[in-house]
């Protein structure tokens, strides 16, 4: 594997376009809604950078809107853990469809975004069809599943990583990895919150607390009851508090509404304007994942909660997890910057105690806010889609 690209320089965007052959056909695949969003951004940026490029592949609605030709859609069927089992047949059909295209058309490169369960096998198919592979958003092998590194090393030509420490980790494992910045940073920099909505939310009560239970039905069902219990404890101490639950996915609305009705705290529901909710909040109760990082970008005091199966964790997961922290803000910091109650909790009493301390103690709040600014700064000044588009241009030029 070549290691000529050091990848740490913050290169300026080259908007003049890169010369390439008459048409460069690129296979691209995204299986999750978030990957669809990041891949769509890449498609738009690459088209501006490499006028000859044409994208074909496993595409969600945003990628199609950006000009990608769809051969299959996985993004509307994404799932996690046990819920993913129902997707196995669909995944196999996707791999076979993709394989047929990779072998019957002349692709200059393949870009696979996130979703290692699907994309490591697909990288193998692309490699055997003679198509060089650029993998965007690395599997979190530093946290769990490190045994998969062999597949990554032998099936992927270039790896675009979105967390600063990942470049060194993967390079030490013999993978040609480059840190490109986090795609969320680009989206946050571009989106300007609507101050009218922020003020309207703040007028509901003081303090204003946002409950973000996630977008997947099984996660909402597991996490929201604990978040509402914490809300009830806070309401007793701060009677004027307003609690707003985000409904990130309309399909979860009935679950959220049923739980909110049983809660004694003053809870209202909000179906859109997630960024405005975060900006308005004095405290955020958030599930693990990228949303916790979005809260960190806005430097909002938070508590990360996740309630997975205790049995599954002790039987399987705890032997596979190699990181002392599970939430992205703490992983980036390498220390406990935000309280995380993961992968499960047996009582919400310590969570409520943390929440009350953050509401009462200005020093604790301000220290967390300062820490969150510091840890997200390393991600702010990059344009992931531009840097990945430049890696793709280089890959295409090396092929021709």
Protein backbone atom coordinates (compact mmCIF):
# COMPACT_ATOMS: atom_id res chain seq x y z
CA UNK A 1 0.00 0.00 0.00
CA UNK A 2 1.31 3.44 -0.83
CA UNK A 3 1.71 5.95 1.98
CA UNK A 4 2.74 8.98 -0.04
CA UNK A 5 -0.22 11.14 1.05
CA UNK A 6 0.39 12.49 4.54
CA UNK A 7 -3.15 13.84 4.63
CA UNK A 8 -2.71 16.27 7.47
CA UNK A 9 -2.40 19.48 5.49
CA UNK A 10 -5.56 21.55 5.30
CA UNK A 11 -5.59 21.94 1.56
CA UNK A 12 -7.59 24.75 -0.05
CA UNK A 13 -10.53 23.78 -2.23
CA UNK A 14 -9.64 23.61 -5.90
CA UNK A 15 -12.69 24.93 -7.66
CA UNK A 16 -11.09 25.23 -11.08
CA UNK A 17 -11.77 21.57 -11.85
CA UNK A 18 -9.36 18.70 -12.33
CA UNK A 19 -8.66 17.35 -15.79
CA UNK A 20 -9.69 13.73 -16.26
CA UNK A 21 -10.67 11.52 -19.20
CA UNK A 22 -13.84 12.15 -21.21
CA UNK A 23 -16.07 10.40 -18.67
CA UNK A 24 -15.10 8.91 -15.32
CA UNK A 25 -17.76 6.51 -14.07
CA UNK A 26 -17.67 6.21 -10.27
CA UNK A 27 -19.61 3.61 -8.27
CA UNK A 28 -20.89 5.05 -4.97
CA UNK A 29 -22.80 3.40 -2.13
CA UNK A 30 -24.57 4.67 1.00
CA UNK A 31 -26.85 2.48 3.12
CA UNK A 32 -27.95 4.87 5.91
CA UNK A 33 -29.78 8.24 5.81
CA UNK A 34 -26.72 10.01 7.31
CA UNK A 35 -24.43 8.39 4.72
CA UNK A 36 -26.89 9.44 2.00
CA UNK A 37 -26.53 13.04 3.20
CA UNK A 38 -22.71 12.93 3.33
CA UNK A 39 -22.47 11.14 -0.02
CA UNK A 40 -24.81 13.67 -1.66
CA UNK A 41 -22.50 16.46 -0.48
CA UNK A 42 -19.54 14.55 -1.96
CA UNK A 43 -21.37 14.00 -5.30
CA UNK A 44 -22.07 17.74 -5.62
CA UNK A 45 -18.52 18.74 -4.68
CA UNK A 46 -16.87 16.12 -6.93
CA UNK A 47 -19.00 17.17 -9.93
CA UNK A 48 -17.74 20.75 -9.50
CA UNK A 49 -14.15 19.55 -9.08
CA UNK A 50 -14.07 16.82 -11.77
CA UNK A 51 -16.41 17.83 -14.62
CA UNK A 52 -16.07 14.42 -16.30
CA UNK A 53 -17.29 12.42 -13.29
CA UNK A 54 -20.59 10.49 -13.29
CA UNK A 55 -21.90 8.67 -10.21
CA UNK A 56 -23.88 5.42 -10.25
CA UNK A 57 -24.77 3.21 -7.31
CA UNK A 58 -26.65 2.44 -4.11
CA UNK A 59 -28.21 5.83 -3.50
CA UNK A 60 -30.69 7.43 -1.14
CA UNK A 61 -32.99 10.34 -2.08
CA UNK A 62 -30.42 13.09 -1.42
CA UNK A 63 -27.81 11.42 -3.65
CA UNK A 64 -30.35 11.07 -6.46
CA UNK A 65 -31.21 14.77 -6.03
CA UNK A 66 -27.47 15.58 -6.27
CA UNK A 67 -27.30 13.77 -9.64
CA UNK A 68 -26.42 10.16 -8.82
CA UNK A 69 -27.93 7.35 -10.95
CA UNK A 70 -29.60 4.88 -8.57
CA UNK A 71 -29.38 1.12 -9.05
CA UNK A 72 -30.59 0.25 -5.51
CA UNK A 73 -31.81 2.08 -2.36
CA UNK A 74 -30.80 0.84 1.10
CA UNK A 75 -31.04 4.11 3.04
CA UNK A 76 -34.79 3.94 3.69
CA UNK A 77 -34.39 0.47 5.24
CA UNK A 78 -31.47 1.10 7.60
CA UNK A 79 -31.48 -0.51 11.03
CA UNK A 80 -29.19 -1.37 13.92
CA UNK A 81 -28.27 -4.44 15.98
CA UNK A 82 -31.08 -7.02 16.18
CA UNK A 83 -33.31 -4.90 13.95
CA UNK A 84 -30.75 -5.33 11.16
CA UNK A 85 -31.45 -9.07 10.89
CA UNK A 86 -34.57 -8.38 8.81
CA UNK A 87 -32.34 -6.52 6.36
CA UNK A 88 -30.04 -9.43 5.58
CA UNK A 89 -31.93 -10.58 2.49
CA UNK A 90 -32.09 -7.03 1.19
CA UNK A 91 -28.36 -6.61 1.83
CA UNK A 92 -27.55 -9.75 -0.17
CA UNK A 93 -29.72 -8.51 -3.08
CA UNK A 94 -27.90 -5.17 -2.94
CA UNK A 95 -24.47 -6.87 -3.04
CA UNK A 96 -25.48 -9.02 -6.00
CA UNK A 97 -26.94 -6.04 -7.92
CA UNK A 98 -23.83 -3.96 -7.20
CA UNK A 99 -21.55 -6.86 -8.20
CA UNK A 100 -23.29 -7.21 -11.57
CA UNK A 101 -22.80 -3.49 -12.28
CA UNK A 102 -19.17 -3.47 -11.10
CA UNK A 103 -18.35 -6.32 -13.50
CA UNK A 104 -20.36 -5.18 -16.51
CA UNK A 105 -19.43 -1.47 -16.61
CA UNK A 106 -16.06 0.26 -16.64
CA UNK A 107 -15.76 2.07 -13.28
CA UNK A 108 -12.76 4.31 -12.56
CA UNK A 109 -13.30 3.99 -8.78
CA UNK A 110 -15.78 3.01 -6.05
CA UNK A 111 -16.67 5.20 -3.05
CA UNK A 112 -18.23 3.35 -0.10
CA UNK A 113 -19.60 5.46 2.76
CA UNK A 114 -19.81 4.08 6.33
CA UNK A 115 -21.86 0.85 7.05
CA UNK A 116 -18.99 -1.70 7.27
CA UNK A 117 -21.36 -4.70 7.55
CA UNK A 118 -22.42 -4.07 3.95
CA UNK A 119 -19.45 -2.19 2.60
CA UNK A 120 -16.54 -4.43 3.61
CA UNK A 121 -18.08 -7.28 1.55
CA UNK A 122 -18.83 -4.78 -1.25
CA UNK A 123 -15.21 -3.55 -1.14
CA UNK A 124 -14.18 -7.18 -1.76
CA UNK A 125 -16.52 -7.37 -4.78
CA UNK A 126 -15.13 -4.10 -6.17
CA UNK A 127 -11.54 -5.24 -5.64
CA UNK A 128 -12.16 -8.54 -7.45
CA UNK A 129 -13.76 -6.58 -10.33
CA UNK A 130 -10.55 -4.52 -10.57
CA UNK A 131 -12.14 -1.28 -9.28
CA UNK A 132 -10.04 0.80 -6.81
CA UNK A 133 -11.88 1.54 -3.55
CA UNK A 134 -12.08 4.78 -1.56
CA UNK A 135 -13.77 4.13 1.79
CA UNK A 136 -15.31 7.24 3.39
CA UNK A 137 -16.04 7.25 7.18
CA UNK A 138 -13.96 4.44 8.64
CA UNK A 139 -15.42 1.51 10.61
CA UNK A 140 -14.78 2.22 14.31
CA UNK A 141 -12.30 -0.65 14.65
CA UNK A 142 -10.42 1.23 17.38
CA UNK A 143 -13.55 0.77 19.53
CA UNK A 144 -14.66 -2.75 18.57
CA UNK A 145 -14.28 -5.38 15.85
CA UNK A 146 -10.52 -4.82 15.32
CA UNK A 147 -10.32 -8.30 13.71
CA UNK A 148 -11.86 -6.76 10.56
CA UNK A 149 -8.68 -4.72 9.90
CA UNK A 150 -7.34 -7.46 7.59
CA UNK A 151 -10.36 -7.04 5.28
CA UNK A 152 -9.98 -3.27 5.29
CA UNK A 153 -6.24 -3.47 4.54
CA UNK A 154 -6.69 -5.87 1.61
CA UNK A 155 -9.87 -4.48 0.06
CA UNK A 156 -9.50 -0.69 0.35
CA UNK A 157 -7.03 1.54 -1.53
CA UNK A 158 -7.74 4.80 0.32
CA UNK A 159 -9.50 5.42 3.62
CA UNK A 160 -10.98 8.86 4.40
CA UNK A 161 -11.34 9.16 8.20
CA UNK A 162 -13.44 11.76 10.04
CA UNK A 163 -11.91 11.72 13.55
CA UNK A 164 -8.39 13.15 14.00
CA UNK A 165 -6.85 10.21 15.90
CA UNK A 166 -8.06 7.65 13.31
CA UNK A 167 -5.42 8.54 10.72
CA UNK A 168 -2.53 7.39 12.91
CA UNK A 169 -4.47 4.37 14.18
CA UNK A 170 -5.21 3.02 10.67
CA UNK A 171 -1.78 3.92 9.24
CA UNK A 172 -0.19 1.90 12.04
CA UNK A 173 -2.35 -1.00 10.84
CA UNK A 174 -1.06 -0.65 7.27
CA UNK A 175 -4.07 1.17 5.80
CA UNK A 176 -3.59 4.31 3.65
CA UNK A 177 -5.73 6.63 5.80
CA UNK A 178 -6.20 10.40 5.58
CA UNK A 179 -8.05 12.64 8.05
CA UNK A 180 -10.50 14.78 6.02
CA UNK A 181 -12.50 16.50 8.76
CA UNK A 182 -16.02 15.65 9.92
CA UNK A 183 -18.90 16.07 7.43
CA UNK A 184 -21.09 17.33 10.27
CA UNK A 185 -18.77 20.35 10.63
CA UNK A 186 -19.56 21.43 7.06
CA UNK A 187 -23.30 21.09 7.60
CA UNK A 188 -23.24 23.01 10.89
CA UNK A 189 -21.10 25.80 9.42
CA UNK A 190 -23.55 26.20 6.53
CA UNK A 191 -26.83 26.04 8.49
CA UNK A 192 -27.87 29.24 10.24
CA UNK A 193 -30.40 28.57 13.03
CA UNK A 194 -33.69 30.48 12.87
CA UNK A 195 -33.48 32.83 15.86
CA UNK A 196 -37.28 33.35 15.87
CA UNK A 197 -37.78 29.61 16.49
CA UNK A 198 -34.98 29.59 19.11
CA UNK A 199 -36.65 32.46 21.02
CA UNK A 200 -40.08 30.86 20.74
CA UNK A 201 -38.71 27.64 22.26
CA UNK A 202 -36.95 29.53 25.06
CA UNK A 203 -40.21 31.26 26.01
CA UNK A 204 -41.73 27.91 26.97
CA UNK A 205 -39.96 27.90 30.32
CA UNK A 206 -36.69 28.30 32.19
CA UNK A 207 -34.48 26.35 32.18
CA UNK A 208 -35.19 24.89 28.74
CA UNK A 209 -34.20 21.21 28.42
CA UNK A 210 -34.10 19.28 25.15
CA UNK A 211 -34.68 15.53 25.15
CA UNK A 212 -33.22 13.85 22.05
CA UNK A 213 -34.15 10.14 22.17
CA UNK A 214 -32.94 9.31 18.65
CA UNK A 215 -34.67 8.46 15.39
CA UNK A 216 -34.97 4.65 15.51
CA UNK A 217 -38.08 3.17 17.11
CA UNK A 218 -36.21 0.56 19.21
CA UNK A 219 -33.75 3.20 20.53
CA UNK A 220 -36.56 5.68 21.36
CA UNK A 221 -38.48 2.90 23.17
CA UNK A 222 -35.39 2.02 25.22
CA UNK A 223 -34.02 5.52 25.99
CA UNK A 224 -36.99 7.90 26.29
CA UNK A 225 -38.50 6.36 29.48
CA UNK A 226 -35.23 7.11 31.34
CA UNK A 227 -35.03 10.63 29.90
CA UNK A 228 -38.60 11.33 31.05
CA UNK A 229 -37.82 9.98 34.54
CA UNK A 230 -34.89 12.42 34.73
CA UNK A 231 -37.26 15.20 33.57
CA UNK A 232 -39.65 14.37 36.44
CA UNK A 233 -36.78 14.62 38.97
CA UNK A 234 -35.66 17.99 37.53
CA UNK A 235 -39.23 19.39 37.55
CA UNK A 236 -39.45 18.83 41.31
CA UNK A 237 -36.38 21.04 41.87
CA UNK A 238 -37.00 23.52 39.04
CA UNK A 239 -40.80 23.84 38.66
CA UNK A 240 -40.61 26.34 35.75
CA UNK A 241 -38.56 24.01 33.53
CA UNK A 242 -39.78 23.38 29.98
CA UNK A 243 -38.97 19.96 28.51
CA UNK A 244 -39.20 19.43 24.75
CA UNK A 245 -38.83 15.99 23.16
CA UNK A 246 -37.53 15.88 19.60
CA UNK A 247 -39.42 13.61 17.20
CA UNK A 248 -36.59 12.99 14.74
CA UNK A 249 -38.56 10.49 12.67
CA UNK A 250 -42.35 10.78 12.09
CA UNK A 251 -42.64 6.98 12.47
CA UNK A 252 -41.63 7.26 16.14
CA UNK A 253 -44.28 9.93 16.92
CA UNK A 254 -46.87 7.45 18.38
CA UNK A 255 -44.23 5.96 20.73
CA UNK A 256 -43.12 9.42 21.92
CA UNK A 257 -46.71 10.69 22.35
CA UNK A 258 -47.75 7.64 24.42
CA UNK A 259 -44.74 7.97 26.74
CA UNK A 260 -45.07 11.76 27.11
CA UNK A 261 -48.72 11.39 28.17
CA UNK A 262 -47.67 9.19 31.11
CA UNK A 263 -44.99 11.64 32.26
CA UNK A 264 -45.79 14.03 35.13
CA UNK A 265 -43.24 16.65 33.96
CA UNK A 266 -44.29 19.55 31.68
CA UNK A 267 -43.29 17.95 28.38
CA UNK A 268 -44.07 19.12 24.86
CA UNK A 269 -43.13 17.52 21.53
CA UNK A 270 -41.34 19.05 18.55
CA UNK A 271 -41.11 17.39 15.16
CA UNK A 272 -38.55 19.55 13.35
CA UNK A 273 -35.92 22.25 14.00
CA UNK A 274 -33.45 19.98 15.83
CA UNK A 275 -30.66 22.56 15.56
CA UNK A 276 -32.91 25.29 16.99
CA UNK A 277 -33.81 23.00 19.90
CA UNK A 278 -30.11 22.42 20.66
CA UNK A 279 -29.27 26.15 20.39
CA UNK A 280 -32.19 27.07 22.68
CA UNK A 281 -31.34 24.46 25.34
CA UNK A 282 -29.74 25.04 28.74
CA UNK A 283 -29.21 21.27 28.98
CA UNK A 284 -29.56 18.40 26.48
CA UNK A 285 -30.32 14.76 27.30
CA UNK A 286 -29.09 12.94 24.21
CA UNK A 287 -28.64 9.39 22.98
CA UNK A 288 -25.23 8.27 21.81
CA UNK A 289 -24.10 8.76 18.22
CA UNK A 290 -23.61 11.67 15.87
CA UNK A 291 -26.30 13.78 17.55
CA UNK A 292 -24.12 13.94 20.68
CA UNK A 293 -21.37 15.37 18.47
CA UNK A 294 -23.82 17.92 17.01
CA UNK A 295 -24.66 19.03 20.57
CA UNK A 296 -20.90 19.29 21.23
CA UNK A 297 -20.45 21.52 18.14
CA UNK A 298 -22.98 23.92 19.69
CA UNK A 299 -21.09 23.65 23.03
CA UNK A 300 -24.23 22.79 25.01
CA UNK A 301 -24.08 21.07 28.40
CA UNK A 302 -25.30 17.51 27.90
CA UNK A 303 -25.76 14.07 29.39
CA UNK A 304 -25.42 11.08 27.05
CA UNK A 305 -27.76 8.16 27.74
CA UNK A 306 -28.09 4.81 26.01
CA UNK A 307 -30.05 1.79 27.16
CA UNK A 308 -29.03 -1.39 25.36
CA UNK A 309 -29.64 -5.00 26.39
CA UNK A 310 -27.74 -5.78 29.60
CA UNK A 311 -27.69 -9.47 28.68
CA UNK A 312 -26.30 -8.81 25.18
CA UNK A 313 -23.67 -6.43 26.58
CA UNK A 314 -22.35 -8.89 29.18
CA UNK A 315 -22.55 -11.90 26.87
CA UNK A 316 -20.98 -10.36 23.78
CA UNK A 317 -20.32 -6.61 23.53
CA UNK A 318 -18.10 -6.08 26.59
CA UNK A 319 -15.53 -8.52 25.18
CA UNK A 320 -15.46 -6.61 21.89
CA UNK A 321 -15.30 -2.99 23.10
CA UNK A 322 -11.74 -1.62 23.40
CA UNK A 323 -12.38 2.02 24.31
CA UNK A 324 -12.85 3.45 27.82
CA UNK A 325 -15.51 5.86 26.51
CA UNK A 326 -18.51 5.25 24.26
CA UNK A 327 -19.80 8.76 23.46
CA UNK A 328 -18.10 10.71 20.66
CA UNK A 329 -17.36 13.88 22.72
CA UNK A 330 -15.47 11.79 25.31
CA UNK A 331 -13.76 9.62 22.67
CA UNK A 332 -12.46 12.80 20.96
CA UNK A 333 -11.34 14.31 24.25
CA UNK A 334 -9.78 11.07 25.52
CA UNK A 335 -11.36 11.82 28.91
CA UNK A 336 -14.76 12.25 30.56
CA UNK A 337 -15.88 15.70 29.39
CA UNK A 338 -19.61 14.86 29.44
CA UNK A 339 -21.40 12.40 31.74
CA UNK A 340 -22.19 9.23 29.78
CA UNK A 341 -24.53 6.53 31.04
CA UNK A 342 -23.79 3.77 28.55
CA UNK A 343 -24.21 1.09 27.32
CA UNK A 344 -27.02 0.78 29.91
CA UNK A 345 -28.08 2.15 33.30
CA UNK A 346 -29.95 0.48 36.15
CA UNK A 347 -31.27 3.67 37.76
CA UNK A 348 -31.87 7.26 36.65
CA UNK A 349 -31.07 8.67 40.14
CA UNK A 350 -27.35 9.37 39.35
CA UNK A 351 -28.36 10.79 35.94
CA UNK A 352 -30.82 13.20 37.59
CA UNK A 353 -28.11 14.18 40.11
CA UNK A 354 -25.76 15.03 37.21
CA UNK A 355 -28.47 17.07 35.50
CA UNK A 356 -29.24 19.05 38.65
CA UNK A 357 -25.54 19.77 39.20
CA UNK A 358 -25.23 21.10 35.63
CA UNK A 359 -28.27 23.36 36.18
CA UNK A 360 -27.15 24.64 39.60
CA UNK A 361 -23.38 24.89 39.31
CA UNK A 362 -22.17 27.56 36.89
CA UNK A 363 -18.52 26.47 37.19
CA UNK A 364 -19.32 22.87 36.11
CA UNK A 365 -21.44 24.17 33.23
CA UNK A 366 -18.82 26.63 31.98
CA UNK A 367 -16.02 24.06 32.21
CA UNK A 368 -18.02 21.63 30.07
CA UNK A 369 -18.85 24.38 27.54
CA UNK A 370 -15.16 25.35 27.24
CA UNK A 371 -14.12 21.68 26.88
CA UNK A 372 -16.69 21.12 24.12
CA UNK A 373 -15.38 24.12 22.15
CA UNK A 374 -11.84 22.78 22.47
CA UNK A 375 -12.61 19.24 21.30
CA UNK A 376 -14.70 20.33 18.31
CA UNK A 377 -12.16 22.94 17.14
CA UNK A 378 -10.00 20.29 15.44
CA UNK A 379 -13.00 19.39 13.26
CA UNK A 380 -14.21 22.88 12.36
CA UNK A 381 -11.70 24.16 9.81
CA UNK A 382 -11.93 21.32 7.30
CA UNK A 383 -14.23 20.62 4.38
CA UNK A 384 -14.64 16.84 4.33
CA UNK A 385 -16.46 16.71 0.99
CA UNK A 386 -13.74 18.80 -0.74
CA UNK A 387 -10.92 16.68 0.69
CA UNK A 388 -12.66 13.39 -0.21
CA UNK A 389 -13.41 14.72 -3.72
CA UNK A 390 -9.68 15.52 -4.11
CA UNK A 391 -8.76 11.99 -2.95
CA UNK A 392 -11.22 10.61 -5.51
CA UNK A 393 -9.75 12.79 -8.29
CA UNK A 394 -6.28 11.49 -7.43
CA UNK A 395 -7.52 7.88 -7.49
CA UNK A 396 -9.17 8.39 -10.90
CA UNK A 397 -6.02 10.01 -12.35
CA UNK A 398 -3.84 7.16 -11.07
CA UNK A 399 -6.10 4.63 -12.82
CA UNK A 400 -6.02 6.32 -16.22
